[in-house]
C-alpha atoms as a PDB file:
ATOM      1  CA  MET A   1      -0.021   0.003   0.014  1.00  0.00           C
ATOM      2  CA  THR A   2       1.338   3.343  -0.980  1.00  0.00           C
ATOM      3  CA  GLU A   3       1.596   6.071   1.763  1.00  0.00           C
ATOM      4  CA  ALA A   4      -0.272   9.262   1.056  1.00  0.00           C
ATOM      5  CA  ARG A   5       2.331  11.993   0.640  1.00  0.00           C
ATOM      6  CA  ARG A   6       1.727  15.487   2.022  1.00  0.00           C
ATOM      7  CA  TRP A   7       2.457  18.457  -0.191  1.00  0.00           C
ATOM      8  CA  TYR A   8       5.637  19.264   1.714  1.00  0.00           C
ATOM      9  CA  ASP A   9       6.983  15.646   1.603  1.00  0.00           C
ATOM     10  CA  LYS A  10       8.432  16.364  -2.006  1.00  0.00           C
ATOM     11  CA  ASP A  11      11.148  18.671  -0.619  1.00  0.00           C
ATOM     12  CA  PRO A  12      13.326  17.172   2.169  1.00  0.00           C
ATOM     13  CA  VAL A  13      14.290  20.507   3.491  1.00  0.00           C
ATOM     14  CA  LEU A  14      10.653  21.767   3.686  1.00  0.00           C
ATOM     15  CA  LYS A  15       9.530  18.461   5.175  1.00  0.00           C
ATOM     16  CA  GLU A  16      12.333  18.644   7.895  1.00  0.00           C
ATOM     17  CA  ALA A  17      11.443  22.378   8.611  1.00  0.00           C
ATOM     18  CA  LEU A  18       7.769  21.700   9.085  1.00  0.00           C
ATOM     19  CA  GLU A  19       8.232  18.429  11.120  1.00  0.00           C
ATOM     20  CA  LEU A  20      10.639  20.446  13.443  1.00  0.00           C
ATOM     21  CA  LEU A  21       8.173  23.321  13.634  1.00  0.00           C
ATOM     22  CA  ARG A  22       5.407  20.959  14.588  1.00  0.00           C
ATOM     23  CA  LEU A  23       7.295  19.968  17.677  1.00  0.00           C
ATOM     24  CA  GLN A  24       8.093  23.556  18.976  1.00  0.00           C
ATOM     25  CA  THR A  25       6.518  25.521  21.689  1.00  0.00           C
ATOM     26  CA  ASP A  26       3.514  27.726  20.909  1.00  0.00           C
ATOM     27  CA  ASP A  27       5.780  30.797  21.124  1.00  0.00           C
ATOM     28  CA  THR A  28       8.212  29.623  18.683  1.00  0.00           C
ATOM     29  CA  LYS A  29       5.285  28.537  16.417  1.00  0.00           C
ATOM     30  CA  ALA A  30       3.847  32.004  16.683  1.00  0.00           C
ATOM     31  CA  GLU A  31       7.257  33.566  15.718  1.00  0.00           C
ATOM     32  CA  ALA A  32       7.538  31.239  12.800  1.00  0.00           C
ATOM     33  CA  ALA A  33       4.025  31.916  11.701  1.00  0.00           C
ATOM     34  CA  ASP A  34       4.804  35.695  11.663  1.00  0.00           C
ATOM     35  CA  TYR A  35       7.808  34.849   9.374  1.00  0.00           C
ATOM     36  CA  ILE A  36       6.020  32.805   7.036  1.00  0.00           C
ATOM     37  CA  LEU A  37       3.141  35.386   6.870  1.00  0.00           C
ATOM     38  CA  SER A  38       5.637  37.915   5.783  1.00  0.00           C
ATOM     39  CA  LEU A  39       5.917  36.103   2.511  1.00  0.00           C
ATOM     40  CA  GLN A  40       2.327  37.230   1.675  1.00  0.00           C
ATOM     41  CA  GLU A  41       3.749  40.410  -0.034  1.00  0.00           C
ATOM     42  CA  GLN A  42       5.474  38.137  -2.552  1.00  0.00           C
ATOM     43  CA  VAL A  43       2.524  35.952  -3.409  1.00  0.00           C
ATOM     44  CA  ALA A  44      -0.049  36.843  -6.129  1.00  0.00           C
ATOM     45  CA  ALA A  45      -3.546  37.985  -5.226  1.00  0.00           C
ATOM     46  CA  ASP A  46      -5.194  34.778  -6.702  1.00  0.00           C
ATOM     47  CA  VAL A  47      -3.213  32.677  -4.393  1.00  0.00           C
ATOM     48  CA  ILE A  48      -4.171  34.806  -1.384  1.00  0.00           C
ATOM     49  CA  GLU A  49      -7.929  34.346  -2.406  1.00  0.00           C
ATOM     50  CA  HIS A  50      -7.356  30.505  -2.543  1.00  0.00           C
ATOM     51  CA  LEU A  51      -5.645  30.674   0.742  1.00  0.00           C
ATOM     52  CA  TYR A  52      -8.766  32.295   2.468  1.00  0.00           C
ATOM     53  CA  ASP A  53     -11.034  29.723   0.824  1.00  0.00           C
ATOM     54  CA  THR A  54      -8.852  26.912   2.210  1.00  0.00           C
ATOM     55  CA  ILE A  55      -8.753  28.449   5.708  1.00  0.00           C
ATOM     56  CA  SER A  56     -12.611  28.824   5.889  1.00  0.00           C
ATOM     57  CA  LYS A  57     -13.029  25.348   4.712  1.00  0.00           C
ATOM     58  CA  TYR A  58     -10.769  23.574   7.135  1.00  0.00           C
ATOM     59  CA  GLN A  59     -10.177  25.864  10.242  1.00  0.00           C
ATOM     60  CA  GLY A  60     -10.935  23.878  13.335  1.00  0.00           C
ATOM     61  CA  LYS A  61     -12.268  20.951  11.365  1.00  0.00           C
ATOM     62  CA  GLY A  62      -9.060  19.366   9.785  1.00  0.00           C
ATOM     63  CA  ASN A  63      -6.824  16.530  11.145  1.00  0.00           C
ATOM     64  CA  ARG A  64      -3.521  18.311  10.547  1.00  0.00           C
ATOM     65  CA  TRP A  65      -1.445  19.515  13.416  1.00  0.00           C
ATOM     66  CA  TYR A  66      -1.931  23.082  12.491  1.00  0.00           C
ATOM     67  CA  ASP A  67      -5.658  23.219  11.748  1.00  0.00           C
ATOM     68  CA  ASN A  68      -6.677  24.329  15.246  1.00  0.00           C
ATOM     69  CA  ASP A  69      -4.441  27.380  15.310  1.00  0.00           C
ATOM     70  CA  PRO A  70      -5.878  30.031  12.878  1.00  0.00           C
ATOM     71  CA  VAL A  71      -2.534  31.947  12.496  1.00  0.00           C
ATOM     72  CA  MET A  72      -0.435  28.799  12.019  1.00  0.00           C
ATOM     73  CA  MET A  73      -2.884  27.483   9.502  1.00  0.00           C
ATOM     74  CA  LYS A  74      -2.699  30.624   7.563  1.00  0.00           C
ATOM     75  CA  ALA A  75       1.029  30.476   7.595  1.00  0.00           C
ATOM     76  CA  ILE A  76       1.333  26.912   6.597  1.00  0.00           C
ATOM     77  CA  GLU A  77      -1.222  27.343   3.772  1.00  0.00           C
ATOM     78  CA  MET A  78       0.625  30.531   2.689  1.00  0.00           C
ATOM     79  CA  LEU A  79       3.883  28.391   2.547  1.00  0.00           C
ATOM     80  CA  ARG A  80       2.111  25.538   0.686  1.00  0.00           C
ATOM     81  CA  LEU A  81       0.725  27.933  -2.041  1.00  0.00           C
ATOM     82  CA  ALA A  82       4.094  29.852  -2.424  1.00  0.00           C
ATOM     83  CA  PRO A  83       6.311  28.953  -5.471  1.00  0.00           C
ATOM     84  CA  PRO A  84       8.696  25.940  -4.769  1.00  0.00           C
ATOM     85  CA  LYS A  85      11.791  28.235  -4.717  1.00  0.00           C
ATOM     86  CA  MET A  86      10.163  30.478  -2.088  1.00  0.00           C
ATOM     87  CA  GLN A  87       9.060  27.344  -0.076  1.00  0.00           C
ATOM     88  CA  ARG A  88      12.845  26.137   0.020  1.00  0.00           C
ATOM     89  CA  ILE A  89      14.115  29.597   1.123  1.00  0.00           C
ATOM     90  CA  ALA A  90      11.613  29.744   3.812  1.00  0.00           C
ATOM     91  CA  ALA A  91      12.244  26.177   4.917  1.00  0.00           C
ATOM     92  CA  LEU A  92      15.959  26.869   5.117  1.00  0.00           C
ATOM     93  CA  LYS A  93      15.450  29.962   7.096  1.00  0.00           C
ATOM     94  CA  LEU A  94      13.081  28.233   9.521  1.00  0.00           C
ATOM     95  CA  LEU A  95      15.480  25.305   9.987  1.00  0.00           C
ATOM     96  CA  LEU A  96      18.282  27.513  10.766  1.00  0.00           C
ATOM     97  CA  ALA A  97      16.073  29.605  13.295  1.00  0.00           C
ATOM     98  CA  LEU A  98      14.654  26.503  14.850  1.00  0.00           C
ATOM     99  CA  GLU A  99      17.954  24.727  15.175  1.00  0.00           C
ATOM    100  CA  GLN A 100      19.450  27.813  16.780  1.00  0.00           C
ATOM    101  CA  LYS A 101      16.510  28.169  19.286  1.00  0.00           C
ATOM    102  CA  SER A 102      16.888  24.296  19.988  1.00  0.00           C
ATOM    103  CA  SER A 103      20.637  24.734  20.677  1.00  0.00           C
ATOM    104  CA  GLU A 104      20.066  27.666  23.036  1.00  0.00           C
ATOM    105  CA  ASN A 105      17.675  25.525  24.989  1.00  0.00           C
ATOM    106  CA  LEU A 106      20.559  22.899  25.273  1.00  0.00           C
ATOM    107  CA  GLU A 107      23.200  25.172  26.541  1.00  0.00           C
ATOM    108  CA  ASP A 108      24.524  24.708  30.081  1.00  0.00           C
ATOM    109  CA  PRO A 109      22.758  27.455  32.262  1.00  0.00           C
ATOM    110  CA  SER A 110      25.919  27.780  34.522  1.00  0.00           C
END
């Protein structure tokens, strides 16, 4: 049986970034969502319209880890609808920021 692939499984960097993001604290997720939403300026108006249609359809009803958080859902959908090059750039920036945050949490407090 073939496993259903998620839209971000095609790019290993994007997949890793979203998997790592899923495991973060709510504060970190909020910061990441703000960053992803800043991409909105670079996405065409028709994509934005599709984004809002998707949000109204799934918000609070979906099974995905981000469906119950309206800001995170908007951010992830924005990323999903962005061109592949923009997805990869955003994923790389997210990975760097999340890995830096994780390493800060591992530092010895003394």
